[in-house]
C-alpha atoms as a PDB file:
ATOM      1  CA  MET A   1     -30.333 -31.732  83.675  1.00  0.00           C
ATOM      2  CA  ASP A   2     -27.729 -34.517  84.105  1.00  0.00           C
ATOM      3  CA  ALA A   3     -24.021 -33.975  83.401  1.00  0.00           C
ATOM      4  CA  ASN A   4     -24.028 -35.907  80.151  1.00  0.00           C
ATOM      5  CA  THR A   5     -26.981 -33.985  78.735  1.00  0.00           C
ATOM      6  CA  ALA A   6     -25.333 -30.690  79.688  1.00  0.00           C
ATOM      7  CA  LYS A   7     -22.119 -31.684  77.985  1.00  0.00           C
ATOM      8  CA  ILE A   8     -23.931 -32.724  74.793  1.00  0.00           C
ATOM      9  CA  ASP A   9     -25.669 -29.337  74.617  1.00  0.00           C
ATOM     10  CA  TYR A  10     -22.358 -27.556  75.235  1.00  0.00           C
ATOM     11  CA  LEU A  11     -20.718 -29.554  72.354  1.00  0.00           C
ATOM     12  CA  LEU A  12     -23.624 -28.670  70.059  1.00  0.00           C
ATOM     13  CA  ARG A  13     -23.127 -25.018  70.846  1.00  0.00           C
ATOM     14  CA  GLN A  14     -19.517 -25.175  69.765  1.00  0.00           C
ATOM     15  CA  GLY A  15     -20.303 -27.137  66.641  1.00  0.00           C
ATOM     16  CA  ASP A  16     -23.301 -25.044  65.660  1.00  0.00           C
ATOM     17  CA  ASN A  17     -21.327 -21.760  66.052  1.00  0.00           C
ATOM     18  CA  ALA A  18     -18.642 -23.032  63.689  1.00  0.00           C
ATOM     19  CA  LEU A  19     -21.111 -24.595  61.250  1.00  0.00           C
ATOM     20  CA  VAL A  20     -23.405 -21.606  60.806  1.00  0.00           C
ATOM     21  CA  LEU A  21     -20.504 -19.175  60.433  1.00  0.00           C
ATOM     22  CA  SER A  22     -18.853 -21.530  57.965  1.00  0.00           C
ATOM     23  CA  GLN A  23     -22.001 -21.630  55.860  1.00  0.00           C
ATOM     24  CA  GLN A  24     -22.227 -17.824  55.945  1.00  0.00           C
ATOM     25  CA  LEU A  25     -18.642 -17.504  54.646  1.00  0.00           C
ATOM     26  CA  CYS A  26     -19.245 -20.185  52.016  1.00  0.00           C
ATOM     27  CA  GLN A  27     -21.902 -17.911  50.560  1.00  0.00           C
ATOM     28  CA  LEU A  28     -19.237 -15.308  49.891  1.00  0.00           C
ATOM     29  CA  CYS A  29     -17.106 -17.628  47.717  1.00  0.00           C
ATOM     30  CA  GLY A  30     -16.368 -15.744  44.510  1.00  0.00           C
ATOM     31  CA  LYS A  31     -17.559 -12.461  46.035  1.00  0.00           C
ATOM     32  CA  GLY A  32     -14.455 -11.313  47.915  1.00  0.00           C
ATOM     33  CA  PRO A  33     -13.103  -7.829  47.237  1.00  0.00           C
ATOM     34  CA  ALA A  34      -9.800  -9.297  46.022  1.00  0.00           C
ATOM     35  CA  LEU A  35      -8.710 -12.770  44.916  1.00  0.00           C
ATOM     36  CA  GLU A  36      -6.460 -13.343  47.896  1.00  0.00           C
ATOM     37  CA  GLU A  37      -9.227 -12.335  50.282  1.00  0.00           C
ATOM     38  CA  ASP A  38     -11.726 -14.457  48.479  1.00  0.00           C
ATOM     39  CA  MET A  39      -9.473 -17.488  49.017  1.00  0.00           C
ATOM     40  CA  ALA A  40      -8.879 -16.545  52.645  1.00  0.00           C
ATOM     41  CA  LEU A  41     -12.663 -16.420  53.384  1.00  0.00           C
ATOM     42  CA  SER A  42     -13.057 -19.872  51.854  1.00  0.00           C
ATOM     43  CA  ASN A  43     -10.163 -21.253  53.831  1.00  0.00           C
ATOM     44  CA  VAL A  44     -11.590 -19.936  57.134  1.00  0.00           C
ATOM     45  CA  ALA A  45     -14.946 -21.504  56.188  1.00  0.00           C
ATOM     46  CA  LEU A  46     -13.224 -24.879  55.646  1.00  0.00           C
ATOM     47  CA  ASP A  47     -11.337 -24.588  58.933  1.00  0.00           C
ATOM     48  CA  LEU A  48     -14.629 -23.987  60.783  1.00  0.00           C
ATOM     49  CA  LEU A  49     -16.281 -26.868  58.960  1.00  0.00           C
ATOM     50  CA  GLY A  50     -13.515 -29.197  60.097  1.00  0.00           C
ATOM     51  CA  GLN A  51     -13.966 -28.004  63.690  1.00  0.00           C
ATOM     52  CA  THR A  52     -17.734 -28.567  63.342  1.00  0.00           C
ATOM     53  CA  ARG A  53     -17.193 -32.194  62.481  1.00  0.00           C
ATOM     54  CA  MET A  54     -15.071 -32.761  65.624  1.00  0.00           C
ATOM     55  CA  TRP A  55     -17.590 -31.150  67.903  1.00  0.00           C
ATOM     56  CA  LEU A  56     -20.707 -32.754  66.422  1.00  0.00           C
ATOM     57  CA  THR A  57     -19.063 -36.198  66.137  1.00  0.00           C
ATOM     58  CA  TYR A  58     -18.293 -36.143  69.880  1.00  0.00           C
ATOM     59  CA  ALA A  59     -21.830 -34.903  70.648  1.00  0.00           C
ATOM     60  CA  GLY A  60     -23.351 -37.727  68.670  1.00  0.00           C
ATOM     61  CA  GLU A  61     -21.211 -40.295  70.391  1.00  0.00           C
ATOM     62  CA  LEU A  62     -22.206 -39.042  73.841  1.00  0.00           C
ATOM     63  CA  GLU A  63     -25.845 -38.901  72.836  1.00  0.00           C
ATOM     64  CA  GLY A  64     -25.798 -42.554  71.782  1.00  0.00           C
ATOM     65  CA  LYS A  65     -28.779 -42.344  69.453  1.00  0.00           C
ATOM     66  CA  GLY A  66     -26.958 -43.102  66.210  1.00  0.00           C
ATOM     67  CA  ARG A  67     -26.777 -39.528  65.022  1.00  0.00           C
ATOM     68  CA  ASP A  68     -23.411 -38.734  63.382  1.00  0.00           C
ATOM     69  CA  GLU A  69     -22.187 -35.274  62.466  1.00  0.00           C
ATOM     70  CA  ASP A  70     -24.116 -35.333  59.201  1.00  0.00           C
ATOM     71  CA  ARG A  71     -27.447 -36.092  60.816  1.00  0.00           C
ATOM     72  CA  LEU A  72     -26.838 -33.495  63.470  1.00  0.00           C
ATOM     73  CA  ALA A  73     -25.972 -30.897  60.858  1.00  0.00           C
ATOM     74  CA  PHE A  74     -28.653 -31.650  58.239  1.00  0.00           C
ATOM     75  CA  HIS A  75     -31.584 -33.085  60.190  1.00  0.00           C
ATOM     76  CA  ARG A  76     -32.164 -30.612  62.995  1.00  0.00           C
ATOM     77  CA  ASP A  77     -34.560 -27.707  62.720  1.00  0.00           C
ATOM     78  CA  ALA A  78     -33.665 -24.109  63.621  1.00  0.00           C
ATOM     79  CA  HIS A  79     -35.003 -24.318  67.155  1.00  0.00           C
ATOM     80  CA  ASP A  80     -32.671 -27.277  67.810  1.00  0.00           C
ATOM     81  CA  TYR A  81     -29.607 -25.276  66.852  1.00  0.00           C
ATOM     82  CA  ARG A  82     -27.588 -23.792  69.704  1.00  0.00           C
ATOM     83  CA  ASN A  83     -25.399 -21.178  67.990  1.00  0.00           C
ATOM     84  CA  CYS A  84     -25.044 -17.632  69.199  1.00  0.00           C
ATOM     85  CA  LEU A  85     -27.044 -14.991  67.364  1.00  0.00           C
ATOM     86  CA  LEU A  86     -23.895 -13.270  66.194  1.00  0.00           C
ATOM     87  CA  VAL A  87     -22.903 -15.866  63.604  1.00  0.00           C
ATOM     88  CA  GLU A  88     -26.300 -15.833  61.900  1.00  0.00           C
ATOM     89  CA  GLN A  89     -26.281 -12.088  61.236  1.00  0.00           C
ATOM     90  CA  PRO A  90     -26.448 -11.236  57.487  1.00  0.00           C
ATOM     91  CA  ASN A  91     -23.244 -10.991  55.503  1.00  0.00           C
ATOM     92  CA  GLY A  92     -24.184  -7.458  54.422  1.00  0.00           C
ATOM     93  CA  SER A  93     -21.232  -5.262  53.351  1.00  0.00           C
ATOM     94  CA  TYR A  94     -17.634  -6.364  53.694  1.00  0.00           C
ATOM     95  CA  ALA A  95     -17.415  -4.226  56.812  1.00  0.00           C
ATOM     96  CA  ASP A  96     -20.211  -6.274  58.377  1.00  0.00           C
ATOM     97  CA  VAL A  97     -18.475  -9.499  57.461  1.00  0.00           C
ATOM     98  CA  MET A  98     -15.138  -8.455  58.985  1.00  0.00           C
ATOM     99  CA  VAL A  99     -16.565  -7.019  62.184  1.00  0.00           C
ATOM    100  CA  ARG A 100     -18.686 -10.103  62.724  1.00  0.00           C
ATOM    101  CA  GLN A 101     -15.663 -12.322  62.067  1.00  0.00           C
ATOM    102  CA  PHE A 102     -13.395 -10.297  64.372  1.00  0.00           C
ATOM    103  CA  LEU A 103     -15.845 -10.355  67.297  1.00  0.00           C
ATOM    104  CA  PHE A 104     -16.278 -14.111  66.865  1.00  0.00           C
ATOM    105  CA  ASP A 105     -12.603 -14.797  66.373  1.00  0.00           C
ATOM    106  CA  THR A 106     -11.611 -12.921  69.489  1.00  0.00           C
ATOM    107  CA  TRP A 107     -14.082 -14.843  71.646  1.00  0.00           C
ATOM    108  CA  HIS A 108     -13.288 -18.112  69.879  1.00  0.00           C
ATOM    109  CA  TYR A 109      -9.561 -17.794  70.434  1.00  0.00           C
ATOM    110  CA  PHE A 110      -9.785 -17.260  74.149  1.00  0.00           C
ATOM    111  CA  LEU A 111     -12.409 -19.924  74.514  1.00  0.00           C
ATOM    112  CA  MET A 112     -10.294 -22.466  72.690  1.00  0.00           C
ATOM    113  CA  ASP A 113      -7.306 -21.476  74.790  1.00  0.00           C
ATOM    114  CA  GLY A 114      -9.378 -22.162  77.916  1.00  0.00           C
ATOM    115  CA  LEU A 115     -10.692 -25.448  76.544  1.00  0.00           C
ATOM    116  CA  THR A 116      -7.154 -26.757  75.950  1.00  0.00           C
ATOM    117  CA  LYS A 117      -7.063 -27.074  79.731  1.00  0.00           C
ATOM    118  CA  SER A 118     -10.350 -28.938  79.932  1.00  0.00           C
ATOM    119  CA  ASN A 119     -10.466 -32.013  82.103  1.00  0.00           C
ATOM    120  CA  ASP A 120     -12.312 -33.774  79.304  1.00  0.00           C
ATOM    121  CA  PRO A 121      -9.419 -35.215  77.200  1.00  0.00           C
ATOM    122  CA  ARG A 122     -11.533 -35.252  74.032  1.00  0.00           C
ATOM    123  CA  ILE A 123     -12.519 -31.581  74.357  1.00  0.00           C
ATOM    124  CA  ALA A 124      -8.970 -30.592  75.177  1.00  0.00           C
ATOM    125  CA  GLU A 125      -7.755 -32.440  72.044  1.00  0.00           C
ATOM    126  CA  ILE A 126     -10.345 -30.732  69.810  1.00  0.00           C
ATOM    127  CA  ALA A 127      -9.391 -27.320  71.260  1.00  0.00           C
ATOM    128  CA  GLN A 128      -5.683 -27.985  70.761  1.00  0.00           C
ATOM    129  CA  LYS A 129      -6.285 -28.797  67.124  1.00  0.00           C
ATOM    130  CA  SER A 130      -8.669 -25.862  66.609  1.00  0.00           C
ATOM    131  CA  ILE A 131      -6.561 -23.165  68.259  1.00  0.00           C
ATOM    132  CA  LYS A 132      -3.843 -23.462  65.597  1.00  0.00           C
ATOM    133  CA  GLU A 133      -6.396 -22.399  62.996  1.00  0.00           C
ATOM    134  CA  VAL A 134      -8.222 -19.918  65.248  1.00  0.00           C
ATOM    135  CA  THR A 135      -4.985 -18.113  65.965  1.00  0.00           C
ATOM    136  CA  TYR A 136      -4.657 -17.405  62.251  1.00  0.00           C
ATOM    137  CA  HIS A 137      -8.282 -16.394  62.003  1.00  0.00           C
ATOM    138  CA  LEU A 138      -7.888 -13.835  64.784  1.00  0.00           C
ATOM    139  CA  ARG A 139      -4.620 -12.435  63.415  1.00  0.00           C
ATOM    140  CA  ARG A 140      -6.170 -12.054  59.950  1.00  0.00           C
ATOM    141  CA  SER A 141      -9.475 -10.460  61.012  1.00  0.00           C
ATOM    142  CA  GLY A 142      -7.738  -8.121  63.482  1.00  0.00           C
ATOM    143  CA  ASP A 143      -5.327  -6.965  60.777  1.00  0.00           C
ATOM    144  CA  LEU A 144      -8.211  -6.224  58.366  1.00  0.00           C
ATOM    145  CA  VAL A 145     -10.134  -4.339  61.083  1.00  0.00           C
ATOM    146  CA  VAL A 146      -7.086  -2.114  61.524  1.00  0.00           C
ATOM    147  CA  ARG A 147      -6.508  -1.624  57.848  1.00  0.00           C
ATOM    148  CA  LEU A 148     -10.158  -0.750  57.115  1.00  0.00           C
ATOM    149  CA  GLY A 149     -10.805   1.210  60.308  1.00  0.00           C
ATOM    150  CA  ASP A 150      -7.708   3.321  59.870  1.00  0.00           C
ATOM    151  CA  GLY A 151      -8.093   3.477  56.076  1.00  0.00           C
ATOM    152  CA  THR A 152     -10.147   5.860  54.063  1.00  0.00           C
ATOM    153  CA  GLU A 153     -12.932   8.042  55.409  1.00  0.00           C
ATOM    154  CA  THR A 154     -15.420   5.702  53.772  1.00  0.00           C
ATOM    155  CA  SER A 155     -13.965   2.481  55.104  1.00  0.00           C
ATOM    156  CA  HIS A 156     -13.673   3.940  58.579  1.00  0.00           C
ATOM    157  CA  ALA A 157     -17.340   5.002  58.600  1.00  0.00           C
ATOM    158  CA  LYS A 158     -18.515   1.624  57.325  1.00  0.00           C
ATOM    159  CA  MET A 159     -16.480  -0.244  59.968  1.00  0.00           C
ATOM    160  CA  GLN A 160     -17.739   1.962  62.774  1.00  0.00           C
ATOM    161  CA  THR A 161     -21.365   1.492  61.636  1.00  0.00           C
ATOM    162  CA  ALA A 162     -20.889  -2.262  61.443  1.00  0.00           C
ATOM    163  CA  LEU A 163     -19.335  -2.351  64.913  1.00  0.00           C
ATOM    164  CA  ASP A 164     -22.138  -0.303  66.413  1.00  0.00           C
ATOM    165  CA  GLU A 165     -24.844  -2.465  64.823  1.00  0.00           C
ATOM    166  CA  LEU A 166     -23.260  -5.853  65.638  1.00  0.00           C
ATOM    167  CA  TRP A 167     -22.174  -5.010  69.187  1.00  0.00           C
ATOM    168  CA  MET A 168     -25.545  -6.020  70.686  1.00  0.00           C
ATOM    169  CA  TYR A 169     -24.849  -9.559  69.572  1.00  0.00           C
ATOM    170  CA  SER A 170     -21.341  -9.804  71.137  1.00  0.00           C
ATOM    171  CA  GLY A 171     -22.418 -10.178  74.767  1.00  0.00           C
ATOM    172  CA  GLU A 172     -24.479 -13.385  74.429  1.00  0.00           C
ATOM    173  CA  MET A 173     -21.263 -15.428  74.386  1.00  0.00           C
ATOM    174  CA  PHE A 174     -20.631 -14.352  77.942  1.00  0.00           C
ATOM    175  CA  LEU A 175     -24.130 -14.794  79.261  1.00  0.00           C
ATOM    176  CA  TYR A 176     -23.594 -18.120  81.017  1.00  0.00           C
ATOM    177  CA  ASP A 177     -26.659 -20.269  81.761  1.00  0.00           C
ATOM    178  CA  GLU A 178     -27.036 -23.523  83.698  1.00  0.00           C
ATOM    179  CA  ILE A 179     -25.268 -25.494  80.933  1.00  0.00           C
ATOM    180  CA  ASP A 180     -22.235 -23.183  80.838  1.00  0.00           C
ATOM    181  CA  ASN A 181     -22.076 -23.057  84.602  1.00  0.00           C
ATOM    182  CA  ALA A 182     -22.311 -26.834  84.849  1.00  0.00           C
ATOM    183  CA  MET A 183     -19.365 -27.147  82.472  1.00  0.00           C
ATOM    184  CA  VAL A 184     -17.327 -24.680  84.546  1.00  0.00           C
ATOM    185  CA  GLU A 185     -18.135 -26.549  87.760  1.00  0.00           C
ATOM    186  CA  GLN A 186     -17.073 -29.827  86.200  1.00  0.00           C
ATOM    187  CA  GLY A 187     -13.758 -28.378  84.988  1.00  0.00           C
ATOM    188  CA  VAL A 188     -14.764 -28.765  81.364  1.00  0.00           C
ATOM    189  CA  ALA A 189     -14.958 -25.102  80.351  1.00  0.00           C
ATOM    190  CA  PRO A 190     -13.289 -21.857  81.457  1.00  0.00           C
ATOM    191  CA  ALA A 191     -14.951 -19.388  83.815  1.00  0.00           C
ATOM    192  CA  VAL A 192     -16.665 -16.421  82.197  1.00  0.00           C
ATOM    193  CA  GLU A 193     -14.898 -13.570  84.033  1.00  0.00           C
ATOM    194  CA  PRO A 194     -11.345 -14.083  82.646  1.00  0.00           C
ATOM    195  CA  LEU A 195     -12.723 -14.985  79.273  1.00  0.00           C
ATOM    196  CA  ARG A 196     -14.693 -11.728  79.011  1.00  0.00           C
ATOM    197  CA  LYS A 197     -11.782  -9.687  80.342  1.00  0.00           C
ATOM    198  CA  ASN A 198      -9.394 -11.125  77.741  1.00  0.00           C
ATOM    199  CA  PHE A 199     -11.979 -10.528  75.052  1.00  0.00           C
ATOM    200  CA  LEU A 200     -12.547  -6.849  75.975  1.00  0.00           C
ATOM    201  CA  ASP A 201      -8.804  -6.161  76.453  1.00  0.00           C
ATOM    202  CA  HIS A 202      -7.917  -7.518  73.028  1.00  0.00           C
ATOM    203  CA  LEU A 203     -10.822  -5.676  71.378  1.00  0.00           C
ATOM    204  CA  ALA A 204      -9.770  -2.401  73.067  1.00  0.00           C
ATOM    205  CA  ASP A 205      -6.205  -2.756  71.751  1.00  0.00           C
ATOM    206  CA  VAL A 206      -7.195  -3.531  68.177  1.00  0.00           C
ATOM    207  CA  LEU A 207     -10.021  -1.025  67.963  1.00  0.00           C
ATOM    208  CA  ASN A 208      -7.724   1.684  69.343  1.00  0.00           C
ATOM    209  CA  GLU A 209      -5.191   0.952  66.623  1.00  0.00           C
ATOM    210  CA  ALA A 210      -8.002   0.953  64.045  1.00  0.00           C
ATOM    211  CA  THR A 211      -9.183   4.401  65.311  1.00  0.00           C
ATOM    212  CA  LEU A 212     -12.616   2.860  65.957  1.00  0.00           C
ATOM    213  CA  THR A 213     -14.690   3.635  69.080  1.00  0.00           C
ATOM    214  CA  MET A 214     -15.657   0.661  71.172  1.00  0.00           C
ATOM    215  CA  PRO A 215     -19.352   0.745  72.171  1.00  0.00           C
ATOM    216  CA  PRO A 216     -20.223   0.704  75.867  1.00  0.00           C
ATOM    217  CA  VAL A 217     -19.271  -2.621  77.481  1.00  0.00           C
ATOM    218  CA  ASP A 218     -22.370  -2.487  79.662  1.00  0.00           C
ATOM    219  CA  ALA A 219     -24.776  -2.051  76.701  1.00  0.00           C
ATOM    220  CA  TRP A 220     -27.871  -4.219  76.493  1.00  0.00           C
ATOM    221  CA  MET A 221     -27.213  -7.485  74.624  1.00  0.00           C
ATOM    222  CA  GLN A 222     -29.419  -9.750  72.553  1.00  0.00           C
ATOM    223  CA  ARG A 223     -29.753 -13.323  73.801  1.00  0.00           C
ATOM    224  CA  GLY A 224     -31.535 -16.561  73.117  1.00  0.00           C
ATOM    225  CA  GLY A 225     -29.506 -18.307  70.421  1.00  0.00           C
ATOM    226  CA  LYS A 226     -27.850 -20.687  72.820  1.00  0.00           C
ATOM    227  CA  GLN A 227     -31.274 -21.768  74.000  1.00  0.00           C
ATOM    228  CA  GLY A 228     -32.668 -22.257  70.467  1.00  0.00           C
ATOM    229  CA  ARG A 229     -34.356 -18.866  69.965  1.00  0.00           C
ATOM    230  CA  HIS A 230     -33.052 -17.470  66.710  1.00  0.00           C
ATOM    231  CA  THR A 231     -33.612 -14.773  64.148  1.00  0.00           C
ATOM    232  CA  GLU A 232     -35.484 -15.672  60.949  1.00  0.00           C
ATOM    233  CA  ARG A 233     -32.106 -15.477  59.179  1.00  0.00           C
ATOM    234  CA  LEU A 234     -31.115 -18.942  60.476  1.00  0.00           C
ATOM    235  CA  GLY A 235     -34.106 -20.524  58.783  1.00  0.00           C
ATOM    236  CA  TYR A 236     -32.860 -19.281  55.417  1.00  0.00           C
ATOM    237  CA  ILE A 237     -29.328 -20.433  56.152  1.00  0.00           C
ATOM    238  CA  LEU A 238     -30.467 -23.916  57.057  1.00  0.00           C
ATOM    239  CA  ALA A 239     -32.899 -24.151  54.138  1.00  0.00           C
ATOM    240  CA  GLU A 240     -30.037 -23.686  51.733  1.00  0.00           C
ATOM    241  CA  MET A 241     -27.528 -25.863  53.717  1.00  0.00           C
ATOM    242  CA  GLN A 242     -29.904 -28.750  54.350  1.00  0.00           C
ATOM    243  CA  PHE A 243     -31.780 -28.887  51.066  1.00  0.00           C
ATOM    244  CA  LEU A 244     -30.073 -31.908  49.526  1.00  0.00           C
ATOM    245  CA  GLN A 245     -30.365 -34.092  52.611  1.00  0.00           C
ATOM    246  CA  ARG A 246     -33.931 -33.048  53.210  1.00  0.00           C
ATOM    247  CA  ALA A 247     -34.973 -33.642  49.608  1.00  0.00           C
ATOM    248  CA  TYR A 248     -33.059 -36.965  49.218  1.00  0.00           C
ATOM    249  CA  PRO A 249     -32.658 -38.485  52.718  1.00  0.00           C
ATOM    250  CA  GLY A 250     -29.655 -40.738  52.908  1.00  0.00           C
ATOM    251  CA  ALA A 251     -28.359 -39.743  49.481  1.00  0.00           C
ATOM    252  CA  GLN A 252     -24.754 -40.570  48.797  1.00  0.00           C
ATOM    253  CA  TRP A 253     -22.386 -39.545  46.012  1.00  0.00           C
END
């Protein structure tokens, strides 16, 4: 795999993570437990969608095949998507939503922080723009994890169950393959060791405050999303998201 192809795949991974999670959060519009939280979920979804456009636009430019961010978003099948399995997990209860968000936000923040130092000026610029929003995302989801974990007996139990069930999807983000390693070697992306350490340290602090028990850090982890092997859930997400473009190719408002 040449350097350009590896970078395109890496950009798709970033864009697909943000896009799939954004679509998941959009499905919750009007279903938040409180009006303020309903608006916050929608705002996070919009932030992620904006980040998606930057990543996919750059990927399309490097690819040079005339595919813009819309074609990359709406005209790829599930096996062409490169998102981590975590972001395609069902919304489920509000505890599931917040634990999924917190795990993603923690990884996302430290990754964006590392990418601000990328030797690719375009990637560094995207990361610098994104980290302003991601900082808020992490602060918000961490605060809610604490409030719900250290809340009522019921909220605590639901949060612990969600954490235990979603934990197996948290490790894939740190399972570097040839593409990740190529980006590290080229100075494009941060190394995995400090990224994982920062992730686990922050999780430990927040979960301790939330009176939640962190699952074993050496637990077995699901993998495959970054290589295009997904759960059936992604097919349903894309079917809804891509319907208009698939039914009316090239349609414009």
